[in-house]
Amino acid sequence: DRLKAIYEIEEPAFDPDGIAKHYIERLQNLNEVEIFTKNTVVKVNEKGGSWDITLRSGDSIAAGAVINATYAGTNAIQQVFNQPLIDIVYELSEICLTKPGAFADTALTVMDGPFCSYMPFGHSGLHSLSSVLYTHHAKSDQMLPIFSCQDENQNCKPQSLENCTTCAFKPATAFEKMRKQLQHYITDDCLPKYVASRFTVKTKLKASHIDDSRPTEIGQFQKNPAFYCIFAGKINAVYEIEKVLNI
């Protein structure tokens, strides 16, 4: 009495940890690529058609072009490069990782209304559990991501977010609420057991707030020196980026 129609299909799922490992290894093997981690852009100047960039570590970078692809950090980077800000909204969100019971390699996604999703998480043997009602713990519709938990964690700032998963001040898990929602659709032997949660700040365009769509927006804000902004919420954005940047 809760579902109008049910469709059984085969659908490939990707392994997010595996994809991250793959591209990290590829980048590390490219001599022409230098990687700076755990850093922040603190100062920017334009010099002779080039960007002169200073990092928090004190390192300096000269670049003829900058691509801002920082997701929840988008407006912080737009701001430091003196570029127009984008109308986006931020959501402090949780994905639960669970043991799937008898569900094994099967997934279930309720596609409309207060939907939930319960699906294999890569090659981990776990299932991810999320819910449109309970995944998002807090919302910020300001130009930079501002949340009350930042009052407790002084290292997490709107201009430079910390890792929410490892933060001691992250919200309590909403697993039990998600589990009770899922219980409407599957039998008890298939219900998940909680293992862990991953938290992050999800971001979408304010124009997408009504339908929760996550389109890819690619724009060139400056030509000399060049400045691009890529705002995307889905992994398939890599294909659109290749078309625009001729990579």
C-alpha atoms as a PDB file:
ATOM      1  CA  ASP A   1       0.000   0.000   0.000  1.00  0.00           C
ATOM      2  CA  ARG A   2       3.067   2.307  -0.031  1.00  0.00           C
ATOM      3  CA  LEU A   3       4.413   1.696  -3.551  1.00  0.00           C
ATOM      4  CA  LYS A   4       2.522   2.353  -6.756  1.00  0.00           C
ATOM      5  CA  ALA A   5       4.891   0.288  -8.900  1.00  0.00           C
ATOM      6  CA  ILE A   6       8.016  -1.837  -8.436  1.00  0.00           C
ATOM      7  CA  TYR A   7      10.676  -2.370 -11.120  1.00  0.00           C
ATOM      8  CA  GLU A   8      13.391  -5.016 -10.941  1.00  0.00           C
ATOM      9  CA  ILE A   9      16.490  -4.140 -12.951  1.00  0.00           C
ATOM     10  CA  GLU A  10      20.230  -4.789 -13.108  1.00  0.00           C
ATOM     11  CA  GLU A  11      22.207  -1.660 -12.339  1.00  0.00           C
ATOM     12  CA  PRO A  12      25.998  -1.336 -11.997  1.00  0.00           C
ATOM     13  CA  ALA A  13      27.265   0.455  -8.902  1.00  0.00           C
ATOM     14  CA  PHE A  14      30.688   2.071  -8.578  1.00  0.00           C
ATOM     15  CA  ASP A  15      33.115   1.823  -5.693  1.00  0.00           C
ATOM     16  CA  PRO A  16      33.868   5.389  -4.481  1.00  0.00           C
ATOM     17  CA  ASP A  17      36.926   4.341  -2.462  1.00  0.00           C
ATOM     18  CA  GLY A  18      38.276   2.388  -5.432  1.00  0.00           C
ATOM     19  CA  ILE A  19      37.818   5.343  -7.778  1.00  0.00           C
ATOM     20  CA  ALA A  20      39.580   7.673  -5.339  1.00  0.00           C
ATOM     21  CA  LYS A  21      42.503   5.252  -4.985  1.00  0.00           C
ATOM     22  CA  HIS A  22      42.764   4.847  -8.774  1.00  0.00           C
ATOM     23  CA  TYR A  23      43.039   8.576  -9.478  1.00  0.00           C
ATOM     24  CA  ILE A  24      45.362   9.280  -6.564  1.00  0.00           C
ATOM     25  CA  GLU A  25      47.741   6.650  -7.922  1.00  0.00           C
ATOM     26  CA  ARG A  26      47.517   8.085 -11.445  1.00  0.00           C
ATOM     27  CA  LEU A  27      48.265  11.591 -10.195  1.00  0.00           C
ATOM     28  CA  GLN A  28      51.190  10.416  -8.101  1.00  0.00           C
ATOM     29  CA  ASN A  29      52.748   8.814 -11.196  1.00  0.00           C
ATOM     30  CA  LEU A  30      52.595  12.029 -13.256  1.00  0.00           C
ATOM     31  CA  ASN A  31      55.838  13.967 -12.881  1.00  0.00           C
ATOM     32  CA  GLU A  32      54.258  17.139 -14.271  1.00  0.00           C
ATOM     33  CA  VAL A  33      51.638  17.209 -11.511  1.00  0.00           C
ATOM     34  CA  GLU A  34      52.473  18.551  -8.070  1.00  0.00           C
ATOM     35  CA  ILE A  35      49.997  17.862  -5.273  1.00  0.00           C
ATOM     36  CA  PHE A  36      49.488  20.077  -2.213  1.00  0.00           C
ATOM     37  CA  THR A  37      47.241  18.561   0.476  1.00  0.00           C
ATOM     38  CA  LYS A  38      45.875  19.895   3.775  1.00  0.00           C
ATOM     39  CA  ASN A  39      46.282  23.406   2.436  1.00  0.00           C
ATOM     40  CA  THR A  40      44.317  26.556   1.744  1.00  0.00           C
ATOM     41  CA  VAL A  41      44.684  29.403  -0.728  1.00  0.00           C
ATOM     42  CA  VAL A  42      45.241  32.483   1.428  1.00  0.00           C
ATOM     43  CA  LYS A  43      46.360  35.164  -1.043  1.00  0.00           C
ATOM     44  CA  VAL A  44      46.088  35.779  -4.785  1.00  0.00           C
ATOM     45  CA  ASN A  45      47.616  38.373  -7.106  1.00  0.00           C
ATOM     46  CA  GLU A  46      47.574  38.835 -10.869  1.00  0.00           C
ATOM     47  CA  LYS A  47      50.969  39.310 -12.481  1.00  0.00           C
ATOM     48  CA  GLY A  48      51.516  39.614 -16.227  1.00  0.00           C
ATOM     49  CA  GLY A  49      48.661  37.361 -17.304  1.00  0.00           C
ATOM     50  CA  SER A  50      49.334  34.823 -14.570  1.00  0.00           C
ATOM     51  CA  TRP A  51      47.974  33.980 -11.149  1.00  0.00           C
ATOM     52  CA  ASP A  52      50.405  34.327  -8.242  1.00  0.00           C
ATOM     53  CA  ILE A  53      48.933  32.093  -5.524  1.00  0.00           C
ATOM     54  CA  THR A  54      50.089  31.818  -1.912  1.00  0.00           C
ATOM     55  CA  LEU A  55      49.091  28.778   0.163  1.00  0.00           C
ATOM     56  CA  ARG A  56      48.702  28.528   3.928  1.00  0.00           C
ATOM     57  CA  SER A  57      51.875  26.411   4.016  1.00  0.00           C
ATOM     58  CA  GLY A  58      53.814  29.342   2.543  1.00  0.00           C
ATOM     59  CA  ASP A  59      54.257  27.689  -0.862  1.00  0.00           C
ATOM     60  CA  SER A  60      53.713  29.855  -3.932  1.00  0.00           C
ATOM     61  CA  ILE A  61      52.240  28.757  -7.258  1.00  0.00           C
ATOM     62  CA  ALA A  62      52.259  30.592 -10.595  1.00  0.00           C
ATOM     63  CA  ALA A  63      49.495  29.548 -12.991  1.00  0.00           C
ATOM     64  CA  GLY A  64      48.102  30.775 -16.278  1.00  0.00           C
ATOM     65  CA  ALA A  65      44.745  29.192 -15.464  1.00  0.00           C
ATOM     66  CA  VAL A  66      42.844  28.127 -12.368  1.00  0.00           C
ATOM     67  CA  ILE A  67      40.005  25.574 -12.264  1.00  0.00           C
ATOM     68  CA  ASN A  68      37.850  25.868  -9.161  1.00  0.00           C
ATOM     69  CA  ALA A  69      36.424  22.375  -8.603  1.00  0.00           C
ATOM     70  CA  THR A  70      36.117  22.422  -4.823  1.00  0.00           C
ATOM     71  CA  TYR A  71      32.421  21.539  -4.341  1.00  0.00           C
ATOM     72  CA  ALA A  72      31.517  22.782  -0.841  1.00  0.00           C
ATOM     73  CA  GLY A  73      34.532  25.104  -1.004  1.00  0.00           C
ATOM     74  CA  THR A  74      33.414  26.706  -4.272  1.00  0.00           C
ATOM     75  CA  ASN A  75      32.427  30.136  -2.969  1.00  0.00           C
ATOM     76  CA  ALA A  76      35.392  30.348  -0.615  1.00  0.00           C
ATOM     77  CA  ILE A  77      37.694  30.003  -3.640  1.00  0.00           C
ATOM     78  CA  GLN A  78      35.542  32.324  -5.759  1.00  0.00           C
ATOM     79  CA  GLN A  79      35.885  34.887  -2.984  1.00  0.00           C
ATOM     80  CA  VAL A  80      39.669  34.710  -2.619  1.00  0.00           C
ATOM     81  CA  PHE A  81      40.093  35.043  -6.414  1.00  0.00           C
ATOM     82  CA  ASN A  82      37.682  38.011  -6.421  1.00  0.00           C
ATOM     83  CA  GLN A  83      35.170  36.226  -8.651  1.00  0.00           C
ATOM     84  CA  PRO A  84      31.342  36.316  -8.463  1.00  0.00           C
ATOM     85  CA  LEU A  85      29.815  33.993  -5.881  1.00  0.00           C
ATOM     86  CA  ILE A  86      27.358  31.261  -6.847  1.00  0.00           C
ATOM     87  CA  ASP A  87      23.886  30.849  -5.332  1.00  0.00           C
ATOM     88  CA  ILE A  88      24.270  27.510  -3.587  1.00  0.00           C
ATOM     89  CA  VAL A  89      22.924  25.813  -0.478  1.00  0.00           C
ATOM     90  CA  TYR A  90      24.869  23.568   1.918  1.00  0.00           C
ATOM     91  CA  GLU A  91      23.619  20.474   3.770  1.00  0.00           C
ATOM     92  CA  LEU A  92      25.466  18.671   6.559  1.00  0.00           C
ATOM     93  CA  SER A  93      24.722  15.101   5.505  1.00  0.00           C
ATOM     94  CA  GLU A  94      25.170  11.509   6.624  1.00  0.00           C
ATOM     95  CA  ILE A  95      25.429   8.204   4.780  1.00  0.00           C
ATOM     96  CA  CYS A  96      25.190   5.114   7.018  1.00  0.00           C
ATOM     97  CA  LEU A  97      27.319   2.062   6.235  1.00  0.00           C
ATOM     98  CA  THR A  98      25.617  -1.147   7.299  1.00  0.00           C
ATOM     99  CA  LYS A  99      25.679  -4.940   7.205  1.00  0.00           C
ATOM    100  CA  PRO A 100      22.838  -5.814   4.834  1.00  0.00           C
ATOM    101  CA  GLY A 101      21.384  -8.950   6.407  1.00  0.00           C
ATOM    102  CA  ALA A 102      19.742 -11.186   3.798  1.00  0.00           C
ATOM    103  CA  PHE A 103      19.746  -8.396   1.215  1.00  0.00           C
ATOM    104  CA  ALA A 104      23.253  -9.288  -0.078  1.00  0.00           C
ATOM    105  CA  ASP A 105      23.821  -7.888  -3.602  1.00  0.00           C
ATOM    106  CA  THR A 106      20.329  -6.452  -3.869  1.00  0.00           C
ATOM    107  CA  ALA A 107      19.504  -2.747  -3.693  1.00  0.00           C
ATOM    108  CA  LEU A 108      16.294  -0.857  -3.071  1.00  0.00           C
ATOM    109  CA  THR A 109      15.597   2.772  -3.911  1.00  0.00           C
ATOM    110  CA  VAL A 110      12.218   4.416  -3.368  1.00  0.00           C
ATOM    111  CA  MET A 111      12.258   6.997  -6.136  1.00  0.00           C
ATOM    112  CA  ASP A 112       9.554   9.493  -5.219  1.00  0.00           C
ATOM    113  CA  GLY A 113       8.290  11.352  -2.180  1.00  0.00           C
ATOM    114  CA  PRO A 114      10.254  10.922   1.089  1.00  0.00           C
ATOM    115  CA  PHE A 115      12.528   8.409  -0.635  1.00  0.00           C
ATOM    116  CA  CYS A 116      15.250   6.217   0.822  1.00  0.00           C
ATOM    117  CA  SER A 117      18.068   4.238  -0.751  1.00  0.00           C
ATOM    118  CA  TYR A 118      19.713   1.018   0.416  1.00  0.00           C
ATOM    119  CA  MET A 119      22.458  -0.276  -1.859  1.00  0.00           C
ATOM    120  CA  PRO A 120      25.844  -2.070  -2.009  1.00  0.00           C
ATOM    121  CA  PHE A 121      28.766   0.195  -1.145  1.00  0.00           C
ATOM    122  CA  GLY A 122      31.483  -0.685  -3.629  1.00  0.00           C
ATOM    123  CA  HIS A 123      33.449  -3.850  -2.819  1.00  0.00           C
ATOM    124  CA  SER A 124      33.234  -3.341   0.941  1.00  0.00           C
ATOM    125  CA  GLY A 125      30.529  -5.934   1.554  1.00  0.00           C
ATOM    126  CA  LEU A 126      28.483  -3.206   3.224  1.00  0.00           C
ATOM    127  CA  HIS A 127      25.317  -1.402   2.146  1.00  0.00           C
ATOM    128  CA  SER A 128      24.895   2.351   2.260  1.00  0.00           C
ATOM    129  CA  LEU A 129      21.658   3.668   3.715  1.00  0.00           C
ATOM    130  CA  SER A 130      20.343   7.164   3.085  1.00  0.00           C
ATOM    131  CA  SER A 131      17.028   8.980   3.339  1.00  0.00           C
ATOM    132  CA  VAL A 132      15.724  12.260   2.015  1.00  0.00           C
ATOM    133  CA  LEU A 133      14.103  12.792   5.422  1.00  0.00           C
ATOM    134  CA  TYR A 134      17.064  11.998   7.677  1.00  0.00           C
ATOM    135  CA  THR A 135      20.339  12.176   5.697  1.00  0.00           C
ATOM    136  CA  HIS A 136      20.541  15.975   5.960  1.00  0.00           C
ATOM    137  CA  HIS A 137      21.098  17.058   9.574  1.00  0.00           C
ATOM    138  CA  ALA A 138      21.488  20.807   9.033  1.00  0.00           C
ATOM    139  CA  LYS A 139      21.172  23.330   6.237  1.00  0.00           C
ATOM    140  CA  SER A 140      22.943  26.591   5.454  1.00  0.00           C
ATOM    141  CA  ASP A 141      21.623  28.834   2.690  1.00  0.00           C
ATOM    142  CA  GLN A 142      24.270  31.509   3.163  1.00  0.00           C
ATOM    143  CA  MET A 143      26.961  32.138   0.556  1.00  0.00           C
ATOM    144  CA  LEU A 144      29.539  30.249   2.647  1.00  0.00           C
ATOM    145  CA  PRO A 145      28.847  27.051   4.656  1.00  0.00           C
ATOM    146  CA  ILE A 146      28.044  28.171   8.204  1.00  0.00           C
ATOM    147  CA  PHE A 147      26.876  25.599  10.768  1.00  0.00           C
ATOM    148  CA  SER A 148      26.449  25.732  14.543  1.00  0.00           C
ATOM    149  CA  CYS A 149      28.958  22.884  15.070  1.00  0.00           C
ATOM    150  CA  GLN A 150      31.700  25.233  13.840  1.00  0.00           C
ATOM    151  CA  ASP A 151      31.324  27.090  17.139  1.00  0.00           C
ATOM    152  CA  GLU A 152      32.712  23.955  18.815  1.00  0.00           C
ATOM    153  CA  ASN A 153      35.375  23.093  16.241  1.00  0.00           C
ATOM    154  CA  GLN A 154      37.483  26.218  15.825  1.00  0.00           C
ATOM    155  CA  ASN A 155      39.513  24.560  13.036  1.00  0.00           C
ATOM    156  CA  CYS A 156      36.444  24.224  10.814  1.00  0.00           C
ATOM    157  CA  LYS A 157      35.714  27.533   9.143  1.00  0.00           C
ATOM    158  CA  PRO A 158      33.333  28.567   6.344  1.00  0.00           C
ATOM    159  CA  GLN A 159      36.397  29.351   4.219  1.00  0.00           C
ATOM    160  CA  SER A 160      38.080  26.013   4.985  1.00  0.00           C
ATOM    161  CA  LEU A 161      35.945  23.059   6.051  1.00  0.00           C
ATOM    162  CA  GLU A 162      37.299  20.195   8.111  1.00  0.00           C
ATOM    163  CA  ASN A 163      36.512  16.488   7.583  1.00  0.00           C
ATOM    164  CA  CYS A 164      33.028  16.026   9.062  1.00  0.00           C
ATOM    165  CA  THR A 165      33.418  12.250   9.441  1.00  0.00           C
ATOM    166  CA  THR A 166      36.347  12.575  11.846  1.00  0.00           C
ATOM    167  CA  CYS A 167      34.984  15.642  13.653  1.00  0.00           C
ATOM    168  CA  ALA A 168      34.188  15.132  17.349  1.00  0.00           C
ATOM    169  CA  PHE A 169      31.279  17.587  17.064  1.00  0.00           C
ATOM    170  CA  LYS A 170      29.407  15.980  14.177  1.00  0.00           C
ATOM    171  CA  PRO A 171      25.699  15.190  14.724  1.00  0.00           C
ATOM    172  CA  ALA A 172      24.542  11.943  16.280  1.00  0.00           C
ATOM    173  CA  THR A 173      23.713   9.326  13.670  1.00  0.00           C
ATOM    174  CA  ALA A 174      20.166   9.152  12.304  1.00  0.00           C
ATOM    175  CA  PHE A 175      20.532   5.430  11.550  1.00  0.00           C
ATOM    176  CA  GLU A 176      17.580   4.279  13.675  1.00  0.00           C
ATOM    177  CA  LYS A 177      15.249   6.731  11.932  1.00  0.00           C
ATOM    178  CA  MET A 178      16.474   5.585   8.520  1.00  0.00           C
ATOM    179  CA  ARG A 179      16.102   1.944   9.534  1.00  0.00           C
ATOM    180  CA  LYS A 180      12.511   2.452  10.667  1.00  0.00           C
ATOM    181  CA  GLN A 181      11.714   4.139   7.364  1.00  0.00           C
ATOM    182  CA  LEU A 182      13.253   1.222   5.438  1.00  0.00           C
ATOM    183  CA  GLN A 183      11.273  -1.224   7.563  1.00  0.00           C
ATOM    184  CA  HIS A 184       8.126  -0.183   5.697  1.00  0.00           C
ATOM    185  CA  TYR A 185       9.440  -1.808   2.518  1.00  0.00           C
ATOM    186  CA  ILE A 186      11.452  -4.950   3.408  1.00  0.00           C
ATOM    187  CA  THR A 187      11.178  -7.887   5.800  1.00  0.00           C
ATOM    188  CA  ASP A 188      13.003  -7.975   9.116  1.00  0.00           C
ATOM    189  CA  ASP A 189      15.625 -10.512   7.995  1.00  0.00           C
ATOM    190  CA  CYS A 190      16.790  -8.026   5.343  1.00  0.00           C
ATOM    191  CA  LEU A 191      17.113  -5.050   7.687  1.00  0.00           C
ATOM    192  CA  PRO A 192      20.599  -3.569   8.137  1.00  0.00           C
ATOM    193  CA  LYS A 193      22.887  -3.520  11.156  1.00  0.00           C
ATOM    194  CA  TYR A 194      24.801  -0.322  11.806  1.00  0.00           C
ATOM    195  CA  VAL A 195      28.574  -0.267  11.201  1.00  0.00           C
ATOM    196  CA  ALA A 196      29.641   3.371  10.727  1.00  0.00           C
ATOM    197  CA  SER A 197      28.686   6.680   9.172  1.00  0.00           C
ATOM    198  CA  ARG A 198      30.295   9.094   6.773  1.00  0.00           C
ATOM    199  CA  PHE A 199      29.449  12.763   7.105  1.00  0.00           C
ATOM    200  CA  THR A 200      30.100  15.562   4.641  1.00  0.00           C
ATOM    201  CA  VAL A 201      28.774  18.922   3.511  1.00  0.00           C
ATOM    202  CA  LYS A 202      26.703  18.326   0.387  1.00  0.00           C
ATOM    203  CA  THR A 203      26.106  21.249  -1.911  1.00  0.00           C
ATOM    204  CA  LYS A 204      23.578  22.085  -4.620  1.00  0.00           C
ATOM    205  CA  LEU A 205      22.379  25.106  -6.542  1.00  0.00           C
ATOM    206  CA  LYS A 206      19.611  27.043  -4.808  1.00  0.00           C
ATOM    207  CA  ALA A 207      17.611  26.726  -8.016  1.00  0.00           C
ATOM    208  CA  SER A 208      17.695  22.924  -7.505  1.00  0.00           C
ATOM    209  CA  HIS A 209      16.193  23.052  -4.028  1.00  0.00           C
ATOM    210  CA  ILE A 210      12.667  22.205  -5.205  1.00  0.00           C
ATOM    211  CA  ASP A 211      13.446  19.014  -7.152  1.00  0.00           C
ATOM    212  CA  ASP A 212      16.859  18.094  -5.617  1.00  0.00           C
ATOM    213  CA  SER A 213      18.443  17.932  -9.075  1.00  0.00           C
ATOM    214  CA  ARG A 214      22.228  18.238  -9.224  1.00  0.00           C
ATOM    215  CA  PRO A 215      23.202  19.579 -12.658  1.00  0.00           C
ATOM    216  CA  THR A 216      26.780  20.316 -13.639  1.00  0.00           C
ATOM    217  CA  GLU A 217      27.588  24.002 -14.120  1.00  0.00           C
ATOM    218  CA  ILE A 218      30.819  24.943 -15.910  1.00  0.00           C
ATOM    219  CA  GLY A 219      31.708  28.595 -16.423  1.00  0.00           C
ATOM    220  CA  GLN A 220      34.684  30.709 -17.425  1.00  0.00           C
ATOM    221  CA  PHE A 221      34.735  33.778 -15.204  1.00  0.00           C
ATOM    222  CA  GLN A 222      37.942  35.327 -16.508  1.00  0.00           C
ATOM    223  CA  LYS A 223      40.114  34.897 -19.611  1.00  0.00           C
ATOM    224  CA  ASN A 224      43.531  36.384 -18.841  1.00  0.00           C
ATOM    225  CA  PRO A 225      44.600  34.870 -16.570  1.00  0.00           C
ATOM    226  CA  ALA A 226      41.944  32.207 -17.006  1.00  0.00           C
ATOM    227  CA  PHE A 227      39.585  31.227 -14.215  1.00  0.00           C
ATOM    228  CA  TYR A 228      37.059  28.406 -14.538  1.00  0.00           C
ATOM    229  CA  CYS A 229      34.507  27.155 -12.034  1.00  0.00           C
ATOM    230  CA  ILE A 230      33.128  23.626 -12.217  1.00  0.00           C
ATOM    231  CA  PHE A 231      30.202  23.017  -9.908  1.00  0.00           C
ATOM    232  CA  ALA A 232      28.989  19.425  -9.931  1.00  0.00           C
ATOM    233  CA  GLY A 233      27.264  17.022  -7.589  1.00  0.00           C
ATOM    234  CA  LYS A 234      27.492  13.802  -9.603  1.00  0.00           C
ATOM    235  CA  ILE A 235      30.465  11.690 -10.635  1.00  0.00           C
ATOM    236  CA  ASN A 236      29.385  11.649 -14.310  1.00  0.00           C
ATOM    237  CA  ALA A 237      30.430  15.310 -14.456  1.00  0.00           C
ATOM    238  CA  VAL A 238      33.902  14.107 -15.499  1.00  0.00           C
ATOM    239  CA  TYR A 239      32.589  13.512 -19.021  1.00  0.00           C
ATOM    240  CA  GLU A 240      31.162  17.018 -19.320  1.00  0.00           C
ATOM    241  CA  ILE A 241      34.401  18.525 -17.991  1.00  0.00           C
ATOM    242  CA  GLU A 242      36.416  16.774 -20.716  1.00  0.00           C
ATOM    243  CA  LYS A 243      34.247  18.338 -23.424  1.00  0.00           C
ATOM    244  CA  VAL A 244      34.617  21.871 -22.100  1.00  0.00           C
ATOM    245  CA  LEU A 245      38.297  21.852 -21.170  1.00  0.00           C
ATOM    246  CA  ASN A 246      39.511  19.638 -24.043  1.00  0.00           C
ATOM    247  CA  ILE A 247      41.425  17.394 -21.654  1.00  0.00           C
END
